[in-house]
C-alpha cells in the first residue's frame, strides 16, 4: 500500500495530457458522441483509493457506488451501512472505513508521475472506448506506455503457456500478419503463446498491448521483463486495473481476461487445453459480442483440444489473417485490412461486403430480363392487341416515367459506426431488432446509435420498434 506522506502539486504542468495517449488524437477515442474530456487524478482520488482495497473487484465497486452515489460517499459511509451491500462483510467494511487513514492517493499519483504511468478513470476521453462498452469495465486503468486511437482495431491472441513448436510458430506468424494488416495485437504477457504473439508483432514493427494480472511495475513473469520493456519502448503499453505494485495473484487473472477481450474486435485462441485461461478469455469475448477464432491443431495434442472444442461450438477457424479479416465488418477494419480484403475477394470498399461481380450481376440480370421480354413479345401473334412491344412502346401515352430516387439526410460528423447503422437502414423503415442482426451490434449499442442519429436528424422513429431515414429535398 502507498501510505507515505506527500502532497501533489498541479497536474497540468507536471503531467501534460499526451502521456499515455497522443493528445492530438484523444478526441477520437470518444464513442457514441459522448462528451468526454481529460480527467486529472486529483479529480477522482477517492475512486483511486477504493480500487486499491483488497477484496473489492469491479462488480463490488459498482454495487457500492450504486448504493451510495459516489466513491467519496462510499468512503464516508458507516460500517453498518457498508455491510448491507452484497458481498461486503465486516472485514471488508472495516478496510473501507480505515482507508483514509491508511492510504495516501497523493503519493500514488506522484509515484505514477515519476514512472510514466497514466491513471485513467472510466469517464476519461483517453480511456479505451471499446473497453468502456463491456459489462463491468474497470473503473480505473493504469497504463504504462502509450495508447493510440488505432488500437481500437485490435485483435487479441491467447493460448497455453506450454506452447508446442507448431503453436509458437503459428502464433508468431499470425501476429506478424495482423500488424502488417494494420491491427494492434493484444495479449497477456504470459509464457508460451502470449509471449510469441507479442514478439511476432514487435518483430514485424507493429503495435502490441499487454494486459497484466498484477501491477504495471511488478512485471510477471520475470522471464518477460525484457519483453515488457520492449513493448513500452516500441510505443505500446502495459495495462492493468490493479495499482502498480500489486503482486500477480492467481485470482487476478480471470478478471484480467475480460480486459484482453474487451480491448479487442476478436480473440484468437492458438493452442489451449480443455481447461484454462484461454477458454475463459474466449468466453468473455463471446459474452462481449466479440468474434472468437480458433486455430486447428493435431488431434493427438492435448493443447489443441480446447481449440477444437471452440470450433465445435461455432468459433471461426483461423489459418491466416485473411480468415480474421473476412469475419469482421468492414467499418471496424484498419485500412490495410480493407485493402487486403478487396484484393483477395474483390469486395468493393465502402459497400460493406458487396463484390464487384455481385454489383455487375445486378445489371446482367436486368439485361437478361429485358432480352427475355423482347423474345417473348416476338412470339406473340400479330393480331394480339396485348402484345408486349405495344405495352412498352416509348411513345405510348400509358408509359410510366422513371421514379426519382429518394434522397436522405447524412450529417457530415457521423462516426464509422453511425454511418454503418445508417447504411443498414436503407431506404425503407426497419425494426431495431433487424438492425441488430444486420450490423452485428449489440442491442444496447444499436439503440444508442439510433438515439444519436435521431438527435442528429438523420433518422426518425415510427410506430412500434422501427426507424426510417429522414428524406431531404435538393
Protein backbone atom coordinates (compact mmCIF):
# COMPACT_ATOMS: atom_id res chain seq x y z
CA UNK A 1 0.00 0.00 0.00
CA UNK A 2 1.08 3.55 -0.69
CA UNK A 3 0.69 5.43 2.58
CA UNK A 4 3.71 7.72 2.66
CA UNK A 5 3.00 11.38 3.41
CA UNK A 6 3.25 13.52 0.30
CA UNK A 7 1.39 16.31 -1.37
CA UNK A 8 0.70 16.53 -5.08
CA UNK A 9 1.14 19.74 -6.99
CA UNK A 10 -0.76 20.88 -10.04
CA UNK A 11 -1.07 18.09 -12.60
CA UNK A 12 -1.42 20.27 -15.66
CA UNK A 13 2.20 21.40 -15.64
CA UNK A 14 3.75 18.18 -14.33
CA UNK A 15 1.74 15.72 -16.38
CA UNK A 16 0.64 17.02 -19.79
CA UNK A 17 -2.33 15.30 -21.42
CA UNK A 18 -0.29 13.43 -24.04
CA UNK A 19 1.34 10.98 -21.61
CA UNK A 20 -0.42 7.68 -22.15
CA UNK A 21 -2.15 8.81 -25.36
CA UNK A 22 -1.42 11.07 -28.30
CA UNK A 23 -3.29 14.18 -27.12
CA UNK A 24 -3.89 15.46 -30.65
CA UNK A 25 -5.97 12.37 -31.32
CA UNK A 26 -7.57 11.89 -27.92
CA UNK A 27 -10.92 13.29 -29.01
CA UNK A 28 -11.22 10.42 -31.48
CA UNK A 29 -11.44 7.99 -28.57
CA UNK A 30 -14.92 9.18 -27.72
CA UNK A 31 -17.75 6.82 -28.63
CA UNK A 32 -21.40 7.31 -29.44
CA UNK A 33 -20.99 11.07 -29.31
CA UNK A 34 -20.16 11.08 -25.61
CA UNK A 35 -18.86 14.41 -24.38
CA UNK A 36 -15.68 13.19 -22.71
CA UNK A 37 -12.63 15.12 -21.51
CA UNK A 38 -9.23 14.66 -19.92
CA UNK A 39 -9.71 13.99 -16.19
CA UNK A 40 -6.78 14.57 -13.85
CA UNK A 41 -6.21 12.08 -10.99
CA UNK A 42 -6.88 14.71 -8.32
CA UNK A 43 -10.47 14.75 -9.51
CA UNK A 44 -11.05 11.09 -8.65
CA UNK A 45 -8.72 10.36 -5.71
CA UNK A 46 -11.44 8.50 -3.83
CA UNK A 47 -12.04 6.26 -6.86
CA UNK A 48 -8.29 5.53 -6.91
CA UNK A 49 -8.33 4.78 -3.19
CA UNK A 50 -11.37 2.50 -3.39
CA UNK A 51 -9.80 0.49 -6.23
CA UNK A 52 -6.80 -0.37 -4.03
CA UNK A 53 -8.84 -2.19 -1.37
CA UNK A 54 -8.12 -5.90 -1.47
CA UNK A 55 -11.41 -7.73 -1.89
CA UNK A 56 -13.13 -5.05 -3.96
CA UNK A 57 -13.38 -6.05 -7.60
CA UNK A 58 -15.23 -4.21 -10.37
CA UNK A 59 -18.62 -5.73 -9.54
CA UNK A 60 -18.42 -4.93 -5.81
CA UNK A 61 -17.17 -1.43 -6.61
CA UNK A 62 -20.17 -0.88 -8.89
CA UNK A 63 -22.54 -2.08 -6.18
CA UNK A 64 -21.00 0.23 -3.61
CA UNK A 65 -21.09 3.30 -5.84
CA UNK A 66 -24.64 2.48 -6.96
CA UNK A 67 -25.72 2.21 -3.31
CA UNK A 68 -24.04 5.39 -2.01
CA UNK A 69 -23.83 7.54 -5.13
CA UNK A 70 -20.06 8.06 -5.41
CA UNK A 71 -16.72 6.69 -4.23
CA UNK A 72 -16.45 9.61 -1.81
CA UNK A 73 -19.75 8.69 -0.17
CA UNK A 74 -18.63 5.05 0.00
CA UNK A 75 -15.53 6.06 1.99
CA UNK A 76 -17.68 8.24 4.28
CA UNK A 77 -20.35 5.59 4.90
CA UNK A 78 -20.79 3.95 8.33
CA UNK A 79 -19.58 0.36 8.57
CA UNK A 80 -23.06 -0.97 9.29
CA UNK A 81 -24.35 0.64 6.08
CA UNK A 82 -21.47 -0.78 4.06
CA UNK A 83 -22.25 -4.27 5.33
CA UNK A 84 -25.71 -4.06 3.78
CA UNK A 85 -24.14 -4.18 0.31
CA UNK A 86 -23.95 -7.65 -1.20
CA UNK A 87 -20.61 -9.43 -0.55
CA UNK A 88 -19.38 -6.73 1.82
CA UNK A 89 -18.79 -8.29 5.23
CA UNK A 90 -17.49 -6.80 8.45
CA UNK A 91 -13.83 -7.27 7.49
CA UNK A 92 -14.19 -5.54 4.12
CA UNK A 93 -16.33 -2.78 5.63
CA UNK A 94 -13.55 -2.09 8.17
CA UNK A 95 -10.93 -1.85 5.40
CA UNK A 96 -13.09 0.74 3.63
CA UNK A 97 -13.67 2.72 6.82
CA UNK A 98 -9.92 2.72 7.64
CA UNK A 99 -8.84 3.63 4.12
CA UNK A 100 -8.46 7.38 4.62
CA UNK A 101 -6.00 6.82 7.48
CA UNK A 102 -4.03 4.00 5.81
CA UNK A 103 -3.76 5.16 2.20
CA UNK A 104 -2.45 8.35 0.63
CA UNK A 105 -3.60 8.78 -3.01
CA UNK A 106 -1.33 11.80 -3.46
CA UNK A 107 1.73 9.64 -3.04
CA UNK A 108 0.44 7.08 -5.56
CA UNK A 109 -0.26 9.87 -8.07
CA UNK A 110 3.27 11.21 -7.59
CA UNK A 111 4.74 7.71 -7.94
CA UNK A 112 2.89 7.16 -11.22
CA UNK A 113 4.01 10.56 -12.48
CA UNK A 114 7.64 9.69 -11.83
CA UNK A 115 7.41 6.31 -13.56
CA UNK A 116 5.47 7.26 -16.68
CA UNK A 117 2.21 5.64 -15.60
CA UNK A 118 -1.08 7.19 -16.63
CA UNK A 119 -4.07 6.72 -14.28
CA UNK A 120 -7.28 6.72 -16.30
CA UNK A 121 -10.79 6.97 -14.91
CA UNK A 122 -13.53 5.29 -16.95
CA UNK A 123 -15.06 8.63 -17.99
CA UNK A 124 -11.76 9.98 -19.32
CA UNK A 125 -11.53 10.63 -23.09
CA UNK A 126 -8.27 8.66 -23.13
CA UNK A 127 -9.84 5.52 -21.68
CA UNK A 128 -10.09 2.86 -24.44
CA UNK A 129 -13.55 3.36 -25.91
CA UNK A 130 -14.06 -0.27 -26.87
CA UNK A 131 -13.31 -1.39 -23.32
CA UNK A 132 -15.82 1.11 -21.95
CA UNK A 133 -18.58 -0.71 -23.86
CA UNK A 134 -18.34 -4.02 -21.95
CA UNK A 135 -20.20 -5.03 -18.81
CA UNK A 136 -18.24 -4.10 -15.67
CA UNK A 137 -15.32 -2.29 -17.32
CA UNK A 138 -12.51 -1.36 -14.91
CA UNK A 139 -13.32 1.91 -13.14
CA UNK A 140 -9.58 2.66 -13.02
CA UNK A 141 -6.84 1.72 -15.51
CA UNK A 142 -3.09 2.09 -15.08
CA UNK A 143 -1.29 2.49 -18.40
CA UNK A 144 2.49 2.31 -18.63
CA UNK A 145 3.35 3.37 -22.15
CA UNK A 146 1.06 4.83 -24.81
CA UNK A 147 -2.40 4.08 -26.14
CA UNK A 148 -3.43 5.27 -29.59
CA UNK A 149 -6.77 5.65 -31.37
CA UNK A 150 -5.65 3.00 -33.87
CA UNK A 151 -5.71 0.46 -31.01
CA UNK A 152 -9.47 0.33 -31.43
CA UNK A 153 -8.70 -2.05 -34.32
CA UNK A 154 -7.11 -4.67 -32.06
CA UNK A 155 -7.10 -8.45 -32.11
CA UNK A 156 -6.30 -10.48 -29.00
CA UNK A 157 -4.17 -13.62 -29.19
CA UNK A 158 -4.03 -16.08 -26.31
CA UNK A 159 -3.07 -19.67 -25.68
CA UNK A 160 -1.31 -22.16 -23.50
CA UNK A 161 1.86 -21.40 -21.55
CA UNK A 162 3.17 -24.81 -22.67
CA UNK A 163 3.22 -23.94 -26.36
CA UNK A 164 4.37 -26.57 -28.84
CA UNK A 165 6.77 -25.66 -31.68
CA UNK A 166 3.75 -25.67 -34.01
CA UNK A 167 1.79 -23.30 -31.77
CA UNK A 168 4.73 -20.96 -31.26
CA UNK A 169 5.38 -20.74 -34.98
CA UNK A 170 1.70 -20.18 -35.80
CA UNK A 171 1.24 -17.50 -33.12
CA UNK A 172 4.33 -15.64 -34.34
CA UNK A 173 3.16 -15.75 -37.96
CA UNK A 174 -0.40 -14.68 -37.19
CA UNK A 175 0.81 -11.76 -35.05
CA UNK A 176 3.08 -10.63 -37.87
CA UNK A 177 0.26 -10.84 -40.43
CA UNK A 178 -2.11 -8.96 -38.13
CA UNK A 179 0.17 -5.96 -37.60
CA UNK A 180 1.06 -5.90 -41.30
CA UNK A 181 -2.69 -5.54 -41.97
CA UNK A 182 -2.87 -2.64 -39.50
CA UNK A 183 -4.19 -4.37 -36.38
CA UNK A 184 -2.83 -3.95 -32.85
CA UNK A 185 -2.10 -7.27 -31.11
CA UNK A 186 -3.34 -7.64 -27.52
CA UNK A 187 -2.21 -10.42 -25.20
CA UNK A 188 -1.41 -11.18 -21.57
CA UNK A 189 2.42 -11.28 -21.43
CA UNK A 190 2.34 -14.89 -20.18
CA UNK A 191 4.85 -17.53 -21.22
CA UNK A 192 4.09 -19.54 -24.34
CA UNK A 193 1.57 -18.29 -26.89
CA UNK A 194 1.19 -14.84 -25.27
CA UNK A 195 4.90 -14.16 -25.49
CA UNK A 196 5.08 -15.44 -29.08
CA UNK A 197 2.21 -13.12 -30.02
CA UNK A 198 3.88 -10.03 -28.53
CA UNK A 199 7.25 -10.86 -30.13
CA UNK A 200 5.71 -11.60 -33.52
CA UNK A 201 4.05 -8.17 -33.51
CA UNK A 202 7.21 -6.38 -32.36
CA UNK A 203 9.48 -8.19 -34.83
CA UNK A 204 7.19 -7.03 -37.64
CA UNK A 205 7.40 -3.42 -36.44
CA UNK A 206 3.80 -3.36 -35.22
CA UNK A 207 1.92 -2.37 -32.07
CA UNK A 208 1.14 -4.63 -29.15
CA UNK A 209 -0.54 -4.13 -25.76
CA UNK A 210 -0.03 -6.37 -22.71
CA UNK A 211 -2.76 -6.71 -20.07
CA UNK A 212 -1.37 -7.81 -16.71
CA UNK A 213 -2.80 -9.75 -13.79
CA UNK A 214 -0.69 -7.68 -11.42
CA UNK A 215 0.69 -4.15 -11.33
CA UNK A 216 2.45 -2.50 -14.27
CA UNK A 217 5.62 -2.12 -12.18
CA UNK A 218 5.82 -5.64 -10.76
CA UNK A 219 6.04 -7.42 -14.14
CA UNK A 220 5.15 -11.12 -14.22
CA UNK A 221 6.61 -13.48 -15.25
CA UNK A 222 10.17 -12.36 -14.54
CA UNK A 223 11.33 -14.01 -17.76
CA UNK A 224 9.34 -11.38 -19.67
CA UNK A 225 10.74 -8.24 -18.06
CA UNK A 226 12.81 -7.56 -21.20
CA UNK A 227 9.76 -8.19 -23.39
CA UNK A 228 7.69 -5.76 -21.29
CA UNK A 229 10.40 -3.12 -21.66
CA UNK A 230 10.49 -3.71 -25.40
CA UNK A 231 6.70 -3.26 -25.65
CA UNK A 232 6.91 0.13 -23.94
CA UNK A 233 9.95 1.25 -25.97
CA UNK A 234 8.18 0.34 -29.22
CA UNK A 235 5.27 2.67 -28.38
CA UNK A 236 2.93 0.04 -26.98
CA UNK A 237 1.72 -0.24 -23.39
CA UNK A 238 1.33 -2.36 -20.28
CA UNK A 239 -2.23 -2.14 -18.91
CA UNK A 240 -3.71 -3.17 -15.57
CA UNK A 241 -6.69 -2.39 -13.36
CA UNK A 242 -4.56 -3.10 -10.28
CA UNK A 243 -2.43 -0.41 -8.61
CA UNK A 244 1.19 -0.50 -9.77
CA UNK A 245 2.83 -2.66 -7.08
CA UNK A 246 0.09 -5.30 -6.87
CA UNK A 247 1.51 -8.82 -6.83
CA UNK A 248 0.28 -11.05 -9.68
CA UNK A 249 -2.13 -13.10 -7.58
CA UNK A 250 -3.72 -16.18 -9.15
CA UNK A 251 -7.24 -14.84 -8.65
CA UNK A 252 -6.49 -11.68 -10.64
CA UNK A 253 -6.00 -13.43 -13.97
CA UNK A 254 -9.60 -14.48 -14.76
CA UNK A 255 -10.72 -10.86 -14.23
CA UNK A 256 -7.83 -9.62 -16.39
CA UNK A 257 -9.04 -11.82 -19.27
CA UNK A 258 -12.21 -9.72 -19.74
CA UNK A 259 -9.95 -6.71 -20.39
CA UNK A 260 -7.94 -8.59 -23.04
CA UNK A 261 -11.11 -9.44 -24.95
CA UNK A 262 -12.77 -6.10 -24.14
CA UNK A 263 -10.00 -4.14 -25.84
CA UNK A 264 -10.34 -6.22 -29.00
CA UNK A 265 -12.52 -6.85 -32.02
CA UNK A 266 -11.98 -10.56 -31.56
CA UNK A 267 -9.92 -13.19 -29.78
CA UNK A 268 -7.74 -15.84 -31.46
CA UNK A 269 -7.02 -18.95 -29.40
CA UNK A 270 -3.94 -20.64 -30.85
CA UNK A 271 -3.38 -23.58 -28.50
CA UNK A 272 -5.39 -24.49 -25.42
CA UNK A 273 -6.24 -27.49 -23.31
CA UNK A 274 -9.87 -28.15 -22.41
CA UNK A 275 -9.48 -26.01 -19.30
CA UNK A 276 -7.54 -22.80 -18.79
CA UNK A 277 -7.38 -19.05 -19.04
CA UNK A 278 -7.56 -19.03 -22.84
CA UNK A 279 -11.03 -20.53 -22.83
CA UNK A 280 -12.08 -18.03 -20.15
CA UNK A 281 -10.93 -15.23 -22.47
CA UNK A 282 -12.86 -16.80 -25.36
CA UNK A 283 -15.94 -17.00 -23.14
CA UNK A 284 -15.53 -13.31 -22.20
CA UNK A 285 -15.25 -12.44 -25.90
CA UNK A 286 -18.46 -14.28 -26.69
CA UNK A 287 -20.33 -12.51 -23.87
CA UNK A 288 -18.98 -9.16 -25.09
CA UNK A 289 -20.20 -9.80 -28.64
CA UNK A 290 -16.62 -10.14 -29.92
CA UNK A 291 -15.59 -12.60 -32.62
CA UNK A 292 -14.00 -15.84 -31.40
CA UNK A 293 -11.36 -17.52 -33.58
CA UNK A 294 -9.60 -20.83 -33.00
CA UNK A 295 -6.63 -22.39 -34.75
CA UNK A 296 -6.90 -26.11 -35.54
CA UNK A 297 -4.12 -28.43 -34.42
CA UNK A 298 -3.22 -32.07 -34.13
CA UNK A 299 -6.00 -34.33 -32.84
CA UNK A 300 -3.33 -36.07 -30.75
CA UNK A 301 -2.24 -32.91 -28.94
CA UNK A 302 -3.94 -32.06 -25.62
CA UNK A 303 -3.08 -28.42 -26.34
CA UNK A 304 -5.36 -28.42 -29.38
CA UNK A 305 -8.35 -29.96 -27.60
CA UNK A 306 -9.62 -26.59 -26.36
CA UNK A 307 -9.40 -25.05 -29.84
CA UNK A 308 -11.27 -27.97 -31.37
CA UNK A 309 -13.96 -27.63 -28.73
CA UNK A 310 -14.34 -23.93 -29.59
CA UNK A 311 -14.64 -24.81 -33.28
CA UNK A 312 -17.40 -27.32 -32.49
CA UNK A 313 -19.19 -24.55 -30.56
CA UNK A 314 -19.11 -22.19 -33.54
CA UNK A 315 -15.77 -20.35 -33.36
CA UNK A 316 -14.33 -19.18 -36.67
CA UNK A 317 -11.49 -21.34 -37.91
CA UNK A 318 -8.33 -19.29 -38.46
CA UNK A 319 -5.32 -20.27 -40.53
CA UNK A 320 -4.22 -16.82 -41.65
CA UNK A 321 -5.09 -13.14 -41.28
CA UNK A 322 -7.47 -13.45 -44.25
CA UNK A 323 -9.80 -15.54 -42.07
CA UNK A 324 -9.84 -12.77 -39.46
CA UNK A 325 -10.46 -10.01 -41.99
CA UNK A 326 -13.28 -11.94 -43.68
CA UNK A 327 -15.14 -12.43 -40.38
CA UNK A 328 -15.15 -8.76 -39.30
CA UNK A 329 -17.37 -5.91 -40.55
CA UNK A 330 -15.59 -3.55 -42.92
CA UNK A 331 -16.22 -0.41 -40.87
CA UNK A 332 -14.20 -1.92 -37.98
CA UNK A 333 -11.16 -2.80 -40.09
CA UNK A 334 -7.94 -0.78 -40.39
CA UNK A 335 -7.20 0.48 -43.88
CA UNK A 336 -4.55 -2.17 -44.50
CA UNK A 337 -7.06 -4.92 -43.84
CA UNK A 338 -9.70 -3.30 -46.08
CA UNK A 339 -7.20 -3.19 -48.93
CA UNK A 340 -6.18 -6.80 -48.31
CA UNK A 341 -9.80 -7.97 -48.34
CA UNK A 342 -10.68 -6.08 -51.54
CA UNK A 343 -7.61 -7.55 -53.29
CA UNK A 344 -8.37 -11.05 -52.05
CA UNK A 345 -12.14 -11.20 -52.57
CA UNK A 346 -12.98 -8.41 -54.97
CA UNK A 347 -15.11 -6.67 -52.34
CA UNK A 348 -15.68 -3.04 -53.22
CA UNK A 349 -14.51 -0.76 -50.37
CA UNK A 350 -17.39 1.15 -48.80
CA UNK A 351 -20.09 -1.38 -49.76
CA UNK A 352 -19.96 -3.43 -46.54
CA UNK A 353 -19.04 -6.66 -48.28
CA UNK A 354 -20.55 -6.40 -51.79
CA UNK A 355 -18.26 -7.72 -54.53
CA UNK A 356 -17.68 -6.25 -57.98
CA UNK A 357 -19.14 -9.38 -59.57
CA UNK A 358 -22.28 -9.07 -57.43
CA UNK A 359 -22.71 -5.45 -58.48
CA UNK A 360 -22.19 -6.38 -62.13
CA UNK A 361 -24.68 -9.24 -61.84
CA UNK A 362 -27.45 -6.79 -61.00
CA UNK A 363 -27.14 -5.16 -64.41
CA UNK A 364 -26.65 -8.56 -66.05
CA UNK A 365 -29.89 -9.90 -64.62
CA UNK A 366 -31.68 -6.73 -65.63
CA UNK A 367 -30.44 -7.01 -69.21
CA UNK A 368 -31.32 -10.70 -69.30
CA UNK A 369 -34.89 -9.91 -68.29
CA UNK A 370 -35.12 -7.23 -70.98
CA UNK A 371 -33.86 -9.66 -73.64
CA UNK A 372 -36.28 -12.32 -72.46
CA UNK A 373 -39.12 -9.83 -72.67
CA UNK A 374 -38.20 -8.96 -76.23
CA UNK A 375 -38.10 -12.62 -77.23
CA UNK A 376 -41.49 -13.29 -75.68
CA UNK A 377 -43.01 -10.26 -77.42
CA UNK A 378 -41.81 -11.51 -80.82
CA UNK A 379 -43.60 -14.81 -80.23
CA UNK A 380 -46.96 -13.06 -79.81
CA UNK A 381 -49.45 -13.35 -82.64
CA UNK A 382 -49.53 -10.40 -84.99
CA UNK A 383 -53.18 -9.68 -84.24
CA UNK A 384 -52.76 -9.83 -80.44
CA UNK A 385 -53.73 -6.44 -79.01
CA UNK A 386 -51.91 -7.21 -75.74
CA UNK A 387 -48.55 -7.53 -77.45
CA UNK A 388 -45.75 -6.69 -75.06
CA UNK A 389 -43.99 -4.48 -77.57
CA UNK A 390 -47.06 -2.22 -77.74
CA UNK A 391 -47.34 -2.04 -73.95
CA UNK A 392 -43.73 -0.98 -73.59
CA UNK A 393 -43.62 1.37 -76.56
CA UNK A 394 -41.76 4.51 -75.51
CA UNK A 395 -44.27 6.60 -77.40
CA UNK A 396 -47.26 5.12 -75.58
CA UNK A 397 -49.31 7.57 -73.53
CA UNK A 398 -49.51 4.98 -70.75
CA UNK A 399 -45.72 4.65 -70.35
CA UNK A 400 -44.64 5.44 -66.79
CA UNK A 401 -41.92 7.94 -66.04
CA UNK A 402 -38.86 6.73 -64.08
CA UNK A 403 -39.18 7.33 -60.36
CA UNK A 404 -36.64 9.72 -58.87
CA UNK A 405 -34.52 8.01 -56.19
CA UNK A 406 -35.12 9.19 -52.65
CA UNK A 407 -32.53 11.49 -51.10
CA UNK A 408 -31.76 11.12 -47.42
CA UNK A 409 -30.05 13.22 -44.78
CA UNK A 410 -26.50 12.24 -43.88
CA UNK A 411 -24.77 14.61 -41.42
CA UNK A 412 -21.05 15.11 -42.03
CA UNK A 413 -19.97 14.45 -38.44
CA UNK A 414 -21.01 10.78 -38.22
CA UNK A 415 -18.71 8.13 -36.75
CA UNK A 416 -17.95 4.95 -38.76
CA UNK A 417 -20.43 3.08 -36.56
CA UNK A 418 -23.18 5.67 -37.15
CA UNK A 419 -22.57 5.52 -40.90
CA UNK A 420 -22.72 1.72 -40.81
CA UNK A 421 -26.05 1.77 -38.99
CA UNK A 422 -27.43 4.39 -41.39
CA UNK A 423 -26.42 2.27 -44.39
CA UNK A 424 -28.05 -0.78 -42.81
CA UNK A 425 -31.40 1.06 -42.50
CA UNK A 426 -31.58 1.55 -46.27
CA UNK A 427 -34.47 3.33 -47.96
CA UNK A 428 -37.31 1.68 -46.06
CA UNK A 429 -38.32 1.55 -42.40
CA UNK A 430 -36.77 -1.27 -40.41
CA UNK A 431 -37.18 -2.80 -36.97
CA UNK A 432 -34.34 -2.19 -34.49
CA UNK A 433 -34.11 -5.96 -33.95
CA UNK A 434 -33.42 -6.38 -37.66
CA UNK A 435 -30.76 -3.67 -37.45
CA UNK A 436 -29.04 -5.60 -34.66
CA UNK A 437 -28.90 -8.70 -36.86
CA UNK A 438 -27.80 -6.75 -39.94
CA UNK A 439 -24.95 -4.87 -38.24
CA UNK A 440 -23.78 -7.32 -35.61
CA UNK A 441 -24.02 -4.61 -32.94
CA UNK A 442 -25.32 -5.50 -29.51
CA UNK A 443 -28.89 -4.37 -28.80
CA UNK A 444 -27.73 -1.67 -26.38
CA UNK A 445 -25.16 -0.44 -28.89
CA UNK A 446 -27.70 -0.26 -31.71
CA UNK A 447 -30.23 1.57 -29.55
CA UNK A 448 -27.57 4.09 -28.51
CA UNK A 449 -26.63 4.74 -32.14
CA UNK A 450 -30.30 5.09 -33.09
CA UNK A 451 -30.73 7.75 -30.42
CA UNK A 452 -27.69 9.66 -31.69
CA UNK A 453 -28.84 9.52 -35.31
CA UNK A 454 -32.30 10.65 -34.27
CA UNK A 455 -30.77 13.59 -32.40
CA UNK A 456 -28.74 14.47 -35.50
CA UNK A 457 -31.98 14.38 -37.55
CA UNK A 458 -30.71 11.59 -39.81
CA UNK A 459 -33.47 9.14 -38.83
CA UNK A 460 -36.85 9.18 -37.12
CA UNK A 461 -38.71 6.63 -35.02
CA UNK A 462 -42.00 5.32 -36.39
CA UNK A 463 -44.73 3.15 -34.94
CA UNK A 464 -43.62 0.16 -32.94
CA UNK A 465 -39.92 -0.59 -32.63
CA UNK A 466 -39.00 0.75 -36.08
CA UNK A 467 -36.98 3.58 -37.59
CA UNK A 468 -36.62 5.16 -41.02
CA UNK A 469 -34.26 7.63 -42.63
CA UNK A 470 -35.19 11.30 -42.99
CA UNK A 471 -35.76 12.41 -46.58
CA UNK A 472 -34.42 15.73 -47.83
CA UNK A 473 -35.28 17.92 -50.81
CA UNK A 474 -32.47 19.01 -53.05
